[in-house]
Amino acid sequence: MSGISGHGRQARVGPLRWNGLPGRAVRFLIDTDAAPALEMAGRDLVAQGFAAGDGSFEERLRRSDSEWIAHDLYLGDVRISRKRGVITWFVEDSVLEFLPRFRRAATPTLVIACARPTREATELLIASHVSVRGASDSNDAAPLLRRAWDVLEERFRADGVFISRETLWKIENDGSPASQKVVRDLLGWR
């Protein structure tokens, strides 16, 4: 149970939860083609509660002649998470927070899943970027990401294509679609 109700941009977060410290990203090396691996990752992330982007990020990336293919997915919405008012003030830290209607909006989070072929294997990278524009400072996406990463590893192992999994604390600005520079420049995400 993740304590999240709703899906994607409309997700709400219940009280009494601890998200842990999972790292912000994961890198899989797998012995399969990049496109099917990315599609599997996208489906698993949507199944965990993220909403897929509108496809414009993939198109911009394709036009930039990148070696990567990618999907953008979202949890929470900046406009919703910043709404504060008298009702919110009364509800916070009260028993009403246990009712889904009164839960706070999920921290706006962008997740980039991207893949590319390398000489050794296919590299699949999944990274989260919490918005500084949102009202919450919580990492609400963490339990959903951990579940998606575990499901992907199980599937890759079952298919016999798994090579390795590495948890990362940050993504270098090396041109990867998951780097902060690329999401800022192509999506305007901050």
C-alpha atoms as a PDB file:
ATOM      1  CA  MET A   1       0.000   0.000   0.000  1.00  0.00           C
ATOM      2  CA  SER A   2       1.542   3.271  -1.106  1.00  0.00           C
ATOM      3  CA  GLY A   3      -0.877   5.698   0.578  1.00  0.00           C
ATOM      4  CA  ILE A   4      -1.596   7.301  -2.798  1.00  0.00           C
ATOM      5  CA  SER A   5      -5.106   7.557  -4.182  1.00  0.00           C
ATOM      6  CA  GLY A   6      -5.893   8.660  -7.694  1.00  0.00           C
ATOM      7  CA  HIS A   7      -3.646   8.424 -10.723  1.00  0.00           C
ATOM      8  CA  GLY A   8      -1.075  10.590 -12.461  1.00  0.00           C
ATOM      9  CA  ARG A   9      -1.593  14.334 -12.138  1.00  0.00           C
ATOM     10  CA  GLN A  10      -4.667  13.893  -9.930  1.00  0.00           C
ATOM     11  CA  ALA A  11      -2.930  11.719  -7.320  1.00  0.00           C
ATOM     12  CA  ARG A  12      -3.479  12.496  -3.641  1.00  0.00           C
ATOM     13  CA  VAL A  13      -1.359  11.399  -0.684  1.00  0.00           C
ATOM     14  CA  GLY A  14      -2.632  10.018   2.600  1.00  0.00           C
ATOM     15  CA  PRO A  15      -1.186  10.771   6.029  1.00  0.00           C
ATOM     16  CA  LEU A  16       1.187   8.586   8.028  1.00  0.00           C
ATOM     17  CA  ARG A  17       3.659   7.501   5.396  1.00  0.00           C
ATOM     18  CA  TRP A  18       7.388   7.314   5.069  1.00  0.00           C
ATOM     19  CA  ASN A  19       8.838   7.135   1.589  1.00  0.00           C
ATOM     20  CA  GLY A  20      12.354   6.058   2.452  1.00  0.00           C
ATOM     21  CA  LEU A  21      15.486   6.913   0.553  1.00  0.00           C
ATOM     22  CA  PRO A  22      15.452   4.877  -2.673  1.00  0.00           C
ATOM     23  CA  GLY A  23      17.815   6.955  -4.781  1.00  0.00           C
ATOM     24  CA  ARG A  24      16.485   9.077  -7.590  1.00  0.00           C
ATOM     25  CA  ALA A  25      17.215   6.783 -10.502  1.00  0.00           C
ATOM     26  CA  VAL A  26      17.990   3.255 -11.582  1.00  0.00           C
ATOM     27  CA  ARG A  27      20.076   1.945 -14.474  1.00  0.00           C
ATOM     28  CA  PHE A  28      19.396  -1.494 -15.907  1.00  0.00           C
ATOM     29  CA  LEU A  29      21.664  -3.274 -18.329  1.00  0.00           C
ATOM     30  CA  ILE A  30      19.672  -5.837 -20.271  1.00  0.00           C
ATOM     31  CA  ASP A  31      20.265  -8.131 -23.230  1.00  0.00           C
ATOM     32  CA  THR A  32      17.334  -7.076 -25.414  1.00  0.00           C
ATOM     33  CA  ASP A  33      16.371  -4.301 -27.823  1.00  0.00           C
ATOM     34  CA  ALA A  34      15.869  -0.773 -26.476  1.00  0.00           C
ATOM     35  CA  ALA A  35      12.351  -0.127 -27.833  1.00  0.00           C
ATOM     36  CA  PRO A  36      10.577  -3.137 -26.239  1.00  0.00           C
ATOM     37  CA  ALA A  37      12.427  -2.569 -22.951  1.00  0.00           C
ATOM     38  CA  LEU A  38      11.317   1.073 -22.888  1.00  0.00           C
ATOM     39  CA  GLU A  39       7.713   0.143 -23.705  1.00  0.00           C
ATOM     40  CA  MET A  40       7.704  -2.390 -20.868  1.00  0.00           C
ATOM     41  CA  ALA A  41       9.081   0.223 -18.461  1.00  0.00           C
ATOM     42  CA  GLY A  42       6.457   2.751 -19.575  1.00  0.00           C
ATOM     43  CA  ARG A  43       3.613   0.259 -19.051  1.00  0.00           C
ATOM     44  CA  ASP A  44       4.890  -0.701 -15.601  1.00  0.00           C
ATOM     45  CA  LEU A  45       5.227   2.938 -14.518  1.00  0.00           C
ATOM     46  CA  VAL A  46       1.672   3.698 -15.690  1.00  0.00           C
ATOM     47  CA  ALA A  47       0.445   0.595 -13.840  1.00  0.00           C
ATOM     48  CA  GLN A  48       2.028   1.991 -10.640  1.00  0.00           C
ATOM     49  CA  GLY A  49       0.101   5.278 -10.948  1.00  0.00           C
ATOM     50  CA  PHE A  50       2.116   7.584 -13.193  1.00  0.00           C
ATOM     51  CA  ALA A  51       0.453   9.327 -16.161  1.00  0.00           C
ATOM     52  CA  ALA A  52       2.149   9.191 -19.549  1.00  0.00           C
ATOM     53  CA  GLY A  53       3.142  12.455 -21.226  1.00  0.00           C
ATOM     54  CA  ASP A  54       1.561  13.693 -24.454  1.00  0.00           C
ATOM     55  CA  GLY A  55       4.355  12.445 -26.737  1.00  0.00           C
ATOM     56  CA  SER A  56       5.903  15.855 -27.398  1.00  0.00           C
ATOM     57  CA  PHE A  57       9.038  14.998 -25.381  1.00  0.00           C
ATOM     58  CA  GLU A  58       9.650  11.873 -27.467  1.00  0.00           C
ATOM     59  CA  GLU A  59       9.195  13.913 -30.652  1.00  0.00           C
ATOM     60  CA  ARG A  60      11.628  16.667 -29.554  1.00  0.00           C
ATOM     61  CA  LEU A  61      14.171  14.035 -28.578  1.00  0.00           C
ATOM     62  CA  ARG A  62      13.797  12.293 -31.936  1.00  0.00           C
ATOM     63  CA  ARG A  63      14.325  15.601 -33.799  1.00  0.00           C
ATOM     64  CA  SER A  64      17.516  16.246 -31.802  1.00  0.00           C
ATOM     65  CA  ASP A  65      19.126  13.103 -33.300  1.00  0.00           C
ATOM     66  CA  SER A  66      19.718  11.619 -29.846  1.00  0.00           C
ATOM     67  CA  GLU A  67      20.864   8.024 -29.543  1.00  0.00           C
ATOM     68  CA  TRP A  68      18.230   7.671 -26.787  1.00  0.00           C
ATOM     69  CA  ILE A  69      14.524   6.921 -26.969  1.00  0.00           C
ATOM     70  CA  ALA A  70      12.409   8.083 -24.028  1.00  0.00           C
ATOM     71  CA  HIS A  71       9.029   8.519 -22.325  1.00  0.00           C
ATOM     72  CA  ASP A  72       7.999  11.193 -19.850  1.00  0.00           C
ATOM     73  CA  LEU A  73       5.570  10.332 -17.049  1.00  0.00           C
ATOM     74  CA  TYR A  74       4.050  12.416 -14.272  1.00  0.00           C
ATOM     75  CA  LEU A  75       2.735  12.212 -10.735  1.00  0.00           C
ATOM     76  CA  GLY A  76       1.037  15.218  -9.168  1.00  0.00           C
ATOM     77  CA  ASP A  77       0.423  18.656 -10.655  1.00  0.00           C
ATOM     78  CA  VAL A  78       2.094  21.937  -9.727  1.00  0.00           C
ATOM     79  CA  ARG A  79      -1.173  23.916  -9.928  1.00  0.00           C
ATOM     80  CA  ILE A  80      -3.036  21.516  -7.651  1.00  0.00           C
ATOM     81  CA  SER A  81      -0.212  21.073  -5.142  1.00  0.00           C
ATOM     82  CA  ARG A  82       0.136  24.831  -4.653  1.00  0.00           C
ATOM     83  CA  LYS A  83      -3.525  25.361  -3.785  1.00  0.00           C
ATOM     84  CA  ARG A  84      -3.725  26.363  -0.183  1.00  0.00           C
ATOM     85  CA  GLY A  85      -6.653  27.846   1.660  1.00  0.00           C
ATOM     86  CA  VAL A  86      -8.661  27.981   4.839  1.00  0.00           C
ATOM     87  CA  ILE A  87     -10.131  24.503   4.352  1.00  0.00           C
ATOM     88  CA  THR A  88      -6.667  23.030   3.767  1.00  0.00           C
ATOM     89  CA  TRP A  89      -5.397  24.747   6.891  1.00  0.00           C
ATOM     90  CA  PHE A  90      -8.209  23.220   8.996  1.00  0.00           C
ATOM     91  CA  VAL A  91      -7.882  19.742   7.477  1.00  0.00           C
ATOM     92  CA  GLU A  92      -4.087  19.405   7.781  1.00  0.00           C
ATOM     93  CA  ASP A  93      -3.016  17.167  10.620  1.00  0.00           C
ATOM     94  CA  SER A  94      -6.614  16.260  11.451  1.00  0.00           C
ATOM     95  CA  VAL A  95      -8.524  13.012  11.205  1.00  0.00           C
ATOM     96  CA  LEU A  96     -10.104  14.260   7.950  1.00  0.00           C
ATOM     97  CA  GLU A  97      -6.822  13.589   6.142  1.00  0.00           C
ATOM     98  CA  PHE A  98      -7.692   9.896   6.226  1.00  0.00           C
ATOM     99  CA  LEU A  99     -10.548  10.591   3.764  1.00  0.00           C
ATOM    100  CA  PRO A 100      -9.280  10.643   0.147  1.00  0.00           C
ATOM    101  CA  ARG A 101     -11.119  13.893  -0.667  1.00  0.00           C
ATOM    102  CA  PHE A 102      -9.113  15.787   1.968  1.00  0.00           C
ATOM    103  CA  ARG A 103      -5.669  14.349   1.224  1.00  0.00           C
ATOM    104  CA  ARG A 104      -2.967  16.673  -0.010  1.00  0.00           C
ATOM    105  CA  ALA A 105      -1.992  16.601  -3.657  1.00  0.00           C
ATOM    106  CA  ALA A 106       1.025  14.481  -4.548  1.00  0.00           C
ATOM    107  CA  THR A 107       4.350  16.262  -4.941  1.00  0.00           C
ATOM    108  CA  PRO A 108       4.740  17.074  -8.647  1.00  0.00           C
ATOM    109  CA  THR A 109       7.263  14.623 -10.047  1.00  0.00           C
ATOM    110  CA  LEU A 110       8.511  14.026 -13.576  1.00  0.00           C
ATOM    111  CA  VAL A 111       9.845  10.562 -14.355  1.00  0.00           C
ATOM    112  CA  ILE A 112      11.931   9.954 -17.452  1.00  0.00           C
ATOM    113  CA  ALA A 113      12.350   6.415 -18.740  1.00  0.00           C
ATOM    114  CA  CYS A 114      14.918   6.224 -21.527  1.00  0.00           C
ATOM    115  CA  ALA A 115      16.891   3.539 -23.311  1.00  0.00           C
ATOM    116  CA  ARG A 116      19.739   3.213 -25.784  1.00  0.00           C
ATOM    117  CA  PRO A 117      21.764   0.380 -27.257  1.00  0.00           C
ATOM    118  CA  THR A 118      25.404   0.128 -26.207  1.00  0.00           C
ATOM    119  CA  ARG A 119      28.152  -2.256 -27.338  1.00  0.00           C
ATOM    120  CA  GLU A 120      27.639  -4.491 -24.297  1.00  0.00           C
ATOM    121  CA  ALA A 121      23.861  -4.338 -23.797  1.00  0.00           C
ATOM    122  CA  THR A 122      20.820  -2.070 -23.765  1.00  0.00           C
ATOM    123  CA  GLU A 123      20.924   0.628 -21.103  1.00  0.00           C
ATOM    124  CA  LEU A 124      17.539   1.458 -19.555  1.00  0.00           C
ATOM    125  CA  LEU A 125      17.507   4.455 -17.254  1.00  0.00           C
ATOM    126  CA  ILE A 126      14.552   5.573 -15.105  1.00  0.00           C
ATOM    127  CA  ALA A 127      14.968   8.818 -13.165  1.00  0.00           C
ATOM    128  CA  SER A 128      12.667  11.069 -11.143  1.00  0.00           C
ATOM    129  CA  HIS A 129      12.728  14.854 -10.876  1.00  0.00           C
ATOM    130  CA  VAL A 130      10.705  16.446  -8.062  1.00  0.00           C
ATOM    131  CA  SER A 131       9.490  19.919  -9.029  1.00  0.00           C
ATOM    132  CA  VAL A 132      10.748  22.887  -7.037  1.00  0.00           C
ATOM    133  CA  ARG A 133       7.531  24.663  -8.038  1.00  0.00           C
ATOM    134  CA  GLY A 134       5.282  22.292  -6.132  1.00  0.00           C
ATOM    135  CA  ALA A 135       4.066  22.952  -2.606  1.00  0.00           C
ATOM    136  CA  SER A 136       5.236  19.748  -0.982  1.00  0.00           C
ATOM    137  CA  ASP A 137       8.794  18.701  -0.202  1.00  0.00           C
ATOM    138  CA  SER A 138       8.003  14.999   0.005  1.00  0.00           C
ATOM    139  CA  ASN A 139       9.237  12.304  -2.362  1.00  0.00           C
ATOM    140  CA  ASP A 140       5.787  10.815  -2.992  1.00  0.00           C
ATOM    141  CA  ALA A 141       6.901   8.979  -6.127  1.00  0.00           C
ATOM    142  CA  ALA A 142       9.504   6.884  -4.270  1.00  0.00           C
ATOM    143  CA  PRO A 143       7.351   3.875  -3.295  1.00  0.00           C
ATOM    144  CA  LEU A 144       5.795   3.752  -6.766  1.00  0.00           C
ATOM    145  CA  LEU A 145       9.214   3.864  -8.404  1.00  0.00           C
ATOM    146  CA  ARG A 146      10.604   1.143  -6.128  1.00  0.00           C
ATOM    147  CA  ARG A 147       7.700  -1.153  -7.047  1.00  0.00           C
ATOM    148  CA  ALA A 148       8.090  -0.442 -10.775  1.00  0.00           C
ATOM    149  CA  TRP A 149      11.854  -1.085 -10.603  1.00  0.00           C
ATOM    150  CA  ASP A 150      11.306  -4.386  -8.756  1.00  0.00           C
ATOM    151  CA  VAL A 151       8.642  -5.530 -11.247  1.00  0.00           C
ATOM    152  CA  LEU A 152      10.926  -4.711 -14.170  1.00  0.00           C
ATOM    153  CA  GLU A 153      13.821  -6.620 -12.660  1.00  0.00           C
ATOM    154  CA  GLU A 154      11.574  -9.658 -12.075  1.00  0.00           C
ATOM    155  CA  ARG A 155      10.390  -9.551 -15.699  1.00  0.00           C
ATOM    156  CA  PHE A 156      13.889  -9.134 -17.094  1.00  0.00           C
ATOM    157  CA  ARG A 157      15.121 -12.055 -14.981  1.00  0.00           C
ATOM    158  CA  ALA A 158      12.166 -14.226 -16.029  1.00  0.00           C
ATOM    159  CA  ASP A 159      12.887 -13.437 -19.693  1.00  0.00           C
ATOM    160  CA  GLY A 160      16.586 -14.236 -19.205  1.00  0.00           C
ATOM    161  CA  VAL A 161      17.759 -10.788 -20.353  1.00  0.00           C
ATOM    162  CA  PHE A 162      18.784  -9.256 -17.014  1.00  0.00           C
ATOM    163  CA  ILE A 163      22.455  -8.274 -16.641  1.00  0.00           C
ATOM    164  CA  SER A 164      22.541  -5.695 -13.836  1.00  0.00           C
ATOM    165  CA  ARG A 165      20.679  -3.041 -11.852  1.00  0.00           C
ATOM    166  CA  GLU A 166      22.287   0.004 -10.273  1.00  0.00           C
ATOM    167  CA  THR A 167      20.604   2.616  -8.069  1.00  0.00           C
ATOM    168  CA  LEU A 168      21.810   6.147  -8.742  1.00  0.00           C
ATOM    169  CA  TRP A 169      21.540   9.305  -6.621  1.00  0.00           C
ATOM    170  CA  LYS A 170      21.848  11.659  -9.574  1.00  0.00           C
ATOM    171  CA  ILE A 171      22.122  11.688 -13.339  1.00  0.00           C
ATOM    172  CA  GLU A 172      25.081  13.474 -14.885  1.00  0.00           C
ATOM    173  CA  ASN A 173      24.344  16.164 -17.476  1.00  0.00           C
ATOM    174  CA  ASP A 174      25.830  14.030 -20.233  1.00  0.00           C
ATOM    175  CA  GLY A 175      23.048  14.331 -22.804  1.00  0.00           C
ATOM    176  CA  SER A 176      20.888  11.596 -21.319  1.00  0.00           C
ATOM    177  CA  PRO A 177      17.174  12.496 -21.540  1.00  0.00           C
ATOM    178  CA  ALA A 178      16.965  11.796 -17.797  1.00  0.00           C
ATOM    179  CA  SER A 179      19.483  14.533 -16.908  1.00  0.00           C
ATOM    180  CA  GLN A 180      18.304  17.739 -15.250  1.00  0.00           C
ATOM    181  CA  LYS A 181      19.643  19.847 -18.137  1.00  0.00           C
ATOM    182  CA  VAL A 182      17.630  17.962 -20.775  1.00  0.00           C
ATOM    183  CA  VAL A 183      14.344  17.980 -18.817  1.00  0.00           C
ATOM    184  CA  ARG A 184      14.803  21.687 -18.133  1.00  0.00           C
ATOM    185  CA  ASP A 185      15.644  22.530 -21.761  1.00  0.00           C
ATOM    186  CA  LEU A 186      13.158  20.253 -23.561  1.00  0.00           C
ATOM    187  CA  LEU A 187      10.279  20.221 -21.056  1.00  0.00           C
ATOM    188  CA  GLY A 188      10.809  23.379 -19.006  1.00  0.00           C
ATOM    189  CA  TRP A 189      10.675  21.237 -15.844  1.00  0.00           C
ATOM    190  CA  ARG A 190      12.061  22.805 -12.699  1.00  0.00           C
END
